[in-house]
N, C-alpha and C. Protein backbone atom coordinates (compact mmCIF):
# COMPACT_ATOMS: atom_id res chain seq x y z
N UNK A 1 69.79 -50.79 -3.58
CA UNK A 1 70.52 -49.94 -4.52
C UNK A 1 69.66 -48.73 -4.87
N UNK A 2 70.29 -47.58 -4.83
CA UNK A 2 69.58 -46.33 -5.11
C UNK A 2 69.88 -45.88 -6.53
N UNK A 3 68.87 -45.42 -7.22
CA UNK A 3 69.05 -44.88 -8.57
C UNK A 3 68.36 -43.54 -8.70
N UNK A 4 68.99 -42.65 -9.46
CA UNK A 4 68.38 -41.38 -9.85
C UNK A 4 68.30 -41.39 -11.37
N UNK A 5 67.11 -41.20 -11.91
CA UNK A 5 66.92 -41.26 -13.35
C UNK A 5 66.33 -39.95 -13.83
N UNK A 6 67.10 -39.25 -14.67
CA UNK A 6 66.66 -37.97 -15.22
C UNK A 6 65.92 -38.18 -16.54
N UNK A 7 65.07 -37.23 -16.87
CA UNK A 7 64.41 -37.20 -18.16
C UNK A 7 64.07 -35.76 -18.51
N UNK A 8 63.77 -35.53 -19.80
CA UNK A 8 63.32 -34.21 -20.22
C UNK A 8 64.31 -33.42 -21.04
N UNK A 9 65.56 -33.87 -21.12
CA UNK A 9 66.52 -33.15 -21.93
C UNK A 9 66.16 -33.23 -23.40
N UNK A 10 66.51 -32.17 -24.14
CA UNK A 10 66.11 -32.12 -25.56
C UNK A 10 66.86 -31.01 -26.26
N UNK A 11 66.64 -30.92 -27.56
CA UNK A 11 67.13 -29.81 -28.38
C UNK A 11 66.00 -28.79 -28.48
N UNK A 12 66.31 -27.53 -28.15
CA UNK A 12 65.29 -26.48 -28.15
C UNK A 12 65.91 -25.19 -28.68
N UNK A 13 65.07 -24.34 -29.26
CA UNK A 13 65.56 -23.06 -29.75
C UNK A 13 65.70 -22.06 -28.60
N UNK A 14 66.58 -21.10 -28.80
CA UNK A 14 66.75 -20.05 -27.81
C UNK A 14 65.40 -19.38 -27.52
N UNK A 15 65.16 -19.10 -26.24
CA UNK A 15 63.89 -18.53 -25.82
C UNK A 15 62.85 -19.56 -25.45
N UNK A 16 63.13 -20.81 -25.74
CA UNK A 16 62.19 -21.88 -25.44
C UNK A 16 62.28 -22.35 -24.00
N UNK A 17 61.50 -23.39 -23.70
CA UNK A 17 61.42 -23.93 -22.34
C UNK A 17 61.57 -25.45 -22.35
N UNK A 18 62.05 -25.95 -21.25
CA UNK A 18 62.12 -27.39 -21.00
C UNK A 18 61.81 -27.64 -19.54
N UNK A 19 61.34 -28.84 -19.24
CA UNK A 19 61.15 -29.26 -17.86
C UNK A 19 61.88 -30.58 -17.67
N UNK A 20 62.86 -30.56 -16.79
CA UNK A 20 63.60 -31.77 -16.44
C UNK A 20 62.97 -32.41 -15.21
N UNK A 21 63.02 -33.74 -15.19
CA UNK A 21 62.54 -34.49 -14.04
C UNK A 21 63.62 -35.47 -13.60
N UNK A 22 63.63 -35.77 -12.32
CA UNK A 22 64.56 -36.76 -11.78
C UNK A 22 63.85 -37.52 -10.69
N UNK A 23 63.73 -38.83 -10.90
CA UNK A 23 63.04 -39.68 -9.93
C UNK A 23 64.04 -40.58 -9.22
N UNK A 24 63.91 -40.64 -7.92
CA UNK A 24 64.75 -41.52 -7.10
C UNK A 24 64.01 -42.82 -6.82
N UNK A 25 64.75 -43.94 -6.86
CA UNK A 25 64.13 -45.23 -6.59
C UNK A 25 65.13 -46.13 -5.89
N UNK A 26 64.60 -47.24 -5.34
CA UNK A 26 65.47 -48.18 -4.66
C UNK A 26 65.29 -48.14 -3.15
N UNK A 27 66.36 -48.55 -2.45
CA UNK A 27 66.32 -48.62 -0.99
C UNK A 27 66.51 -47.22 -0.40
N UNK A 28 65.40 -46.57 -0.10
CA UNK A 28 65.42 -45.19 0.37
C UNK A 28 64.58 -45.06 1.64
N UNK A 29 65.23 -44.59 2.70
CA UNK A 29 64.51 -44.31 3.93
C UNK A 29 64.09 -42.84 3.99
N UNK A 30 64.97 -41.98 3.47
CA UNK A 30 64.70 -40.55 3.53
C UNK A 30 65.54 -39.83 2.48
N UNK A 31 64.99 -38.77 1.93
CA UNK A 31 65.72 -37.93 0.98
C UNK A 31 65.87 -36.53 1.57
N UNK A 32 67.08 -36.04 1.58
CA UNK A 32 67.34 -34.70 2.07
C UNK A 32 67.30 -33.72 0.93
N UNK A 33 68.37 -32.95 0.79
CA UNK A 33 68.42 -31.96 -0.29
C UNK A 33 68.52 -32.64 -1.65
N UNK A 34 67.99 -31.94 -2.65
CA UNK A 34 68.09 -32.40 -4.04
C UNK A 34 68.51 -31.21 -4.90
N UNK A 35 69.05 -31.49 -6.05
CA UNK A 35 69.48 -30.37 -6.88
C UNK A 35 69.82 -30.77 -8.29
N UNK A 36 70.17 -29.76 -9.06
CA UNK A 36 70.62 -29.93 -10.44
C UNK A 36 71.95 -29.23 -10.64
N UNK A 37 72.83 -29.92 -11.32
CA UNK A 37 74.12 -29.36 -11.72
C UNK A 37 74.22 -29.50 -13.23
N UNK A 38 75.09 -28.70 -13.84
CA UNK A 38 75.29 -28.85 -15.28
C UNK A 38 76.79 -28.82 -15.58
N UNK A 39 77.12 -29.46 -16.69
CA UNK A 39 78.51 -29.48 -17.13
C UNK A 39 78.56 -29.32 -18.64
N UNK A 40 79.15 -28.21 -19.08
CA UNK A 40 79.33 -27.96 -20.50
C UNK A 40 80.69 -28.50 -20.92
N UNK A 41 80.87 -28.76 -22.22
CA UNK A 41 82.16 -29.28 -22.70
C UNK A 41 83.32 -28.38 -22.29
N UNK A 42 84.35 -28.98 -21.71
CA UNK A 42 85.53 -28.24 -21.32
C UNK A 42 85.40 -27.44 -20.04
N UNK A 43 84.25 -27.56 -19.37
CA UNK A 43 84.03 -26.79 -18.14
C UNK A 43 83.78 -27.73 -16.97
N UNK A 44 83.91 -27.19 -15.78
CA UNK A 44 83.64 -27.96 -14.58
C UNK A 44 82.14 -28.03 -14.32
N UNK A 45 81.73 -29.06 -13.57
CA UNK A 45 80.32 -29.16 -13.18
C UNK A 45 80.00 -28.03 -12.21
N UNK A 46 78.84 -27.38 -12.42
CA UNK A 46 78.48 -26.26 -11.58
C UNK A 46 77.03 -26.35 -11.14
N UNK A 47 76.74 -25.71 -10.04
CA UNK A 47 75.40 -25.73 -9.48
C UNK A 47 74.43 -24.94 -10.35
N UNK A 48 73.27 -25.53 -10.61
CA UNK A 48 72.19 -24.82 -11.28
C UNK A 48 71.14 -24.40 -10.26
N UNK A 49 70.66 -25.36 -9.49
CA UNK A 49 69.63 -25.07 -8.50
C UNK A 49 69.65 -26.15 -7.43
N UNK A 50 69.16 -25.78 -6.25
CA UNK A 50 69.26 -26.63 -5.07
C UNK A 50 67.98 -26.43 -4.27
N UNK A 51 67.43 -27.52 -3.70
CA UNK A 51 66.21 -27.41 -2.91
C UNK A 51 66.31 -28.33 -1.71
N UNK A 52 66.01 -27.81 -0.53
CA UNK A 52 66.04 -28.60 0.68
C UNK A 52 64.75 -29.42 0.81
N UNK A 53 64.73 -30.30 1.80
CA UNK A 53 63.55 -31.12 2.01
C UNK A 53 62.32 -30.25 2.29
N UNK A 54 62.56 -29.12 2.91
CA UNK A 54 61.44 -28.21 3.23
C UNK A 54 61.22 -27.17 2.13
N UNK A 55 61.86 -27.42 0.96
CA UNK A 55 61.65 -26.60 -0.24
C UNK A 55 62.23 -25.20 -0.18
N UNK A 56 63.26 -25.02 0.62
CA UNK A 56 64.05 -23.79 0.50
C UNK A 56 64.95 -23.96 -0.71
N UNK A 57 65.07 -22.91 -1.52
CA UNK A 57 65.78 -23.03 -2.79
C UNK A 57 66.93 -22.05 -2.91
N UNK A 58 67.87 -22.40 -3.76
CA UNK A 58 68.94 -21.47 -4.15
C UNK A 58 69.31 -21.77 -5.60
N UNK A 59 69.84 -20.75 -6.29
CA UNK A 59 70.11 -20.86 -7.73
C UNK A 59 71.48 -20.31 -8.08
N UNK A 60 72.05 -20.86 -9.16
CA UNK A 60 73.25 -20.26 -9.71
C UNK A 60 72.91 -18.90 -10.31
N UNK A 61 73.86 -18.00 -10.31
CA UNK A 61 73.59 -16.63 -10.75
C UNK A 61 73.08 -16.57 -12.19
N UNK A 62 73.56 -17.44 -13.05
CA UNK A 62 73.22 -17.36 -14.47
C UNK A 62 71.79 -17.79 -14.77
N UNK A 63 71.13 -18.45 -13.83
CA UNK A 63 69.77 -18.95 -14.10
C UNK A 63 68.70 -18.28 -13.25
N UNK A 64 69.10 -17.42 -12.34
CA UNK A 64 68.11 -16.75 -11.49
C UNK A 64 67.10 -15.99 -12.33
N UNK A 65 65.83 -16.19 -12.00
CA UNK A 65 64.76 -15.52 -12.73
C UNK A 65 64.30 -16.27 -13.97
N UNK A 66 65.05 -17.30 -14.38
CA UNK A 66 64.67 -18.07 -15.58
C UNK A 66 64.32 -19.51 -15.25
N UNK A 67 64.99 -20.10 -14.28
CA UNK A 67 64.78 -21.49 -13.91
C UNK A 67 64.08 -21.57 -12.55
N UNK A 68 63.32 -22.64 -12.35
CA UNK A 68 62.66 -22.87 -11.07
C UNK A 68 62.77 -24.35 -10.70
N UNK A 69 63.23 -24.61 -9.50
CA UNK A 69 63.34 -25.99 -9.01
C UNK A 69 62.18 -26.26 -8.06
N UNK A 70 61.69 -27.49 -8.11
CA UNK A 70 60.62 -27.90 -7.20
C UNK A 70 60.78 -29.40 -6.94
N UNK A 71 60.04 -29.90 -5.97
CA UNK A 71 60.12 -31.32 -5.65
C UNK A 71 58.77 -31.83 -5.19
N UNK A 72 58.57 -33.13 -5.39
CA UNK A 72 57.38 -33.82 -4.90
C UNK A 72 57.91 -34.95 -4.03
N UNK A 73 57.85 -34.77 -2.72
CA UNK A 73 58.44 -35.75 -1.81
C UNK A 73 57.73 -37.10 -1.89
N UNK A 74 56.43 -37.09 -2.12
CA UNK A 74 55.69 -38.34 -2.21
C UNK A 74 56.14 -39.16 -3.42
N UNK A 75 56.50 -38.47 -4.49
CA UNK A 75 56.96 -39.15 -5.71
C UNK A 75 58.47 -39.30 -5.77
N UNK A 76 59.15 -38.75 -4.74
CA UNK A 76 60.62 -38.82 -4.70
C UNK A 76 61.21 -38.23 -5.98
N UNK A 77 60.67 -37.12 -6.41
CA UNK A 77 61.04 -36.54 -7.69
C UNK A 77 61.37 -35.06 -7.52
N UNK A 78 62.40 -34.62 -8.25
CA UNK A 78 62.76 -33.21 -8.30
C UNK A 78 62.63 -32.75 -9.75
N UNK A 79 62.19 -31.51 -9.92
CA UNK A 79 61.95 -30.95 -11.24
C UNK A 79 62.79 -29.69 -11.44
N UNK A 80 63.07 -29.40 -12.70
CA UNK A 80 63.71 -28.14 -13.04
C UNK A 80 62.97 -27.55 -14.24
N UNK A 81 62.23 -26.48 -13.99
CA UNK A 81 61.56 -25.77 -15.07
C UNK A 81 62.54 -24.74 -15.63
N UNK A 82 62.83 -24.86 -16.91
CA UNK A 82 63.82 -24.01 -17.55
C UNK A 82 63.12 -23.14 -18.59
N UNK A 83 63.11 -21.84 -18.35
CA UNK A 83 62.46 -20.89 -19.26
C UNK A 83 63.49 -19.95 -19.88
N UNK A 84 63.11 -19.34 -21.00
CA UNK A 84 63.98 -18.37 -21.67
C UNK A 84 65.39 -18.95 -21.84
N UNK A 85 65.44 -20.14 -22.40
CA UNK A 85 66.72 -20.81 -22.55
C UNK A 85 67.64 -20.08 -23.51
N UNK A 86 68.93 -20.14 -23.21
CA UNK A 86 69.96 -19.47 -24.00
C UNK A 86 70.98 -20.50 -24.48
N UNK A 87 71.67 -20.22 -25.58
CA UNK A 87 72.68 -21.17 -26.06
C UNK A 87 73.71 -21.54 -25.00
N UNK A 88 74.02 -20.61 -24.12
CA UNK A 88 75.01 -20.90 -23.07
C UNK A 88 74.48 -21.84 -21.99
N UNK A 89 73.19 -22.17 -22.04
CA UNK A 89 72.63 -23.17 -21.13
C UNK A 89 72.91 -24.59 -21.62
N UNK A 90 73.42 -24.71 -22.83
CA UNK A 90 73.72 -26.04 -23.38
C UNK A 90 74.73 -26.77 -22.51
N UNK A 91 74.34 -27.96 -22.07
CA UNK A 91 75.17 -28.74 -21.15
C UNK A 91 74.49 -30.08 -20.88
N UNK A 92 75.21 -30.95 -20.20
CA UNK A 92 74.59 -32.13 -19.60
C UNK A 92 74.13 -31.73 -18.21
N UNK A 93 72.90 -32.02 -17.89
CA UNK A 93 72.32 -31.68 -16.59
C UNK A 93 72.22 -32.94 -15.73
N UNK A 94 72.78 -32.85 -14.54
CA UNK A 94 72.84 -33.98 -13.62
C UNK A 94 71.97 -33.71 -12.40
N UNK A 95 71.22 -34.71 -12.03
CA UNK A 95 70.43 -34.66 -10.81
C UNK A 95 71.28 -35.11 -9.63
N UNK A 96 71.03 -34.52 -8.48
CA UNK A 96 71.78 -34.84 -7.26
C UNK A 96 70.79 -35.00 -6.11
N UNK A 97 71.07 -35.94 -5.22
CA UNK A 97 70.21 -36.10 -4.04
C UNK A 97 71.01 -36.64 -2.87
N UNK A 98 70.65 -36.20 -1.70
CA UNK A 98 71.20 -36.73 -0.45
C UNK A 98 70.18 -37.75 0.07
N UNK A 99 70.60 -39.01 0.18
CA UNK A 99 69.67 -40.11 0.48
C UNK A 99 70.18 -40.93 1.64
N UNK A 100 69.26 -41.21 2.56
CA UNK A 100 69.58 -42.11 3.66
C UNK A 100 68.92 -43.46 3.38
N UNK A 101 69.71 -44.50 3.42
CA UNK A 101 69.20 -45.84 3.16
C UNK A 101 68.67 -46.46 4.45
N UNK A 102 67.74 -47.41 4.35
CA UNK A 102 67.19 -48.06 5.54
C UNK A 102 68.28 -48.69 6.40
N UNK A 103 68.15 -48.52 7.71
CA UNK A 103 69.11 -49.09 8.64
C UNK A 103 70.29 -48.19 8.94
N UNK A 104 70.44 -47.10 8.19
CA UNK A 104 71.55 -46.18 8.44
C UNK A 104 71.15 -45.19 9.53
N UNK A 105 72.13 -44.63 10.26
CA UNK A 105 71.81 -43.62 11.27
C UNK A 105 71.05 -42.46 10.65
N UNK A 106 70.22 -41.80 11.45
CA UNK A 106 69.33 -40.78 10.90
C UNK A 106 70.08 -39.64 10.25
N UNK A 107 71.32 -39.38 10.67
CA UNK A 107 72.06 -38.25 10.13
C UNK A 107 73.00 -38.66 8.99
N UNK A 108 73.01 -39.92 8.64
CA UNK A 108 73.96 -40.40 7.64
C UNK A 108 73.31 -40.47 6.26
N UNK A 109 73.58 -39.44 5.47
CA UNK A 109 73.07 -39.37 4.11
C UNK A 109 74.22 -39.53 3.12
N UNK A 110 73.98 -40.30 2.09
CA UNK A 110 74.96 -40.45 1.02
C UNK A 110 74.62 -39.53 -0.14
N UNK A 111 75.61 -39.18 -0.94
CA UNK A 111 75.42 -38.33 -2.11
C UNK A 111 75.27 -39.18 -3.36
N UNK A 112 74.19 -38.97 -4.09
CA UNK A 112 73.90 -39.76 -5.27
C UNK A 112 73.70 -38.85 -6.48
N UNK A 113 74.12 -39.37 -7.64
CA UNK A 113 74.02 -38.63 -8.89
C UNK A 113 73.29 -39.45 -9.94
N UNK A 114 72.57 -38.77 -10.81
CA UNK A 114 71.98 -39.41 -11.97
C UNK A 114 73.00 -39.51 -13.10
N UNK A 115 72.56 -40.10 -14.21
CA UNK A 115 73.47 -40.34 -15.33
C UNK A 115 73.59 -39.13 -16.24
N UNK A 116 72.71 -38.16 -16.07
CA UNK A 116 72.76 -36.94 -16.87
C UNK A 116 71.79 -36.96 -18.04
N UNK A 117 71.31 -35.77 -18.39
CA UNK A 117 70.44 -35.62 -19.56
C UNK A 117 70.92 -34.39 -20.34
N UNK A 118 70.98 -34.54 -21.66
CA UNK A 118 71.55 -33.49 -22.50
C UNK A 118 70.51 -32.42 -22.82
N UNK A 119 70.89 -31.19 -22.59
CA UNK A 119 70.09 -30.03 -23.00
C UNK A 119 70.91 -29.24 -24.01
N UNK A 120 70.34 -29.04 -25.19
CA UNK A 120 71.01 -28.29 -26.24
C UNK A 120 70.11 -27.16 -26.69
N UNK A 121 70.64 -25.94 -26.65
CA UNK A 121 69.87 -24.76 -27.03
C UNK A 121 70.50 -24.15 -28.27
N UNK A 122 69.74 -24.09 -29.34
CA UNK A 122 70.25 -23.54 -30.60
C UNK A 122 69.90 -22.06 -30.71
N UNK A 123 70.79 -21.33 -31.37
CA UNK A 123 70.57 -19.87 -31.50
C UNK A 123 69.74 -19.55 -32.73
């Protein structure tokens, strides 16, 4: 069984910083791309940042220049450094990973999600 567990969400003032972490555990043969999505009340889940196994990155337009995604493959962990936070960043942040379980074909990756961590930015 594969699990993704996020941590680091908190209440912070506008202009502040947070660092989110997401660790993968369980039956894992390989991890492909990893990323962060967010969902604010009444809105659809949207991409925040995405990182490939080789650490190529992409970002949603609203966070470019403020957020940075990184990963530690040895620790099976992805991070999201969030700087200059704004009230509109308030949302539940979900970790995402493409994971291949032992015994599965090399190209067969499943999509896994964490339970979410709340980020609240006050003005």
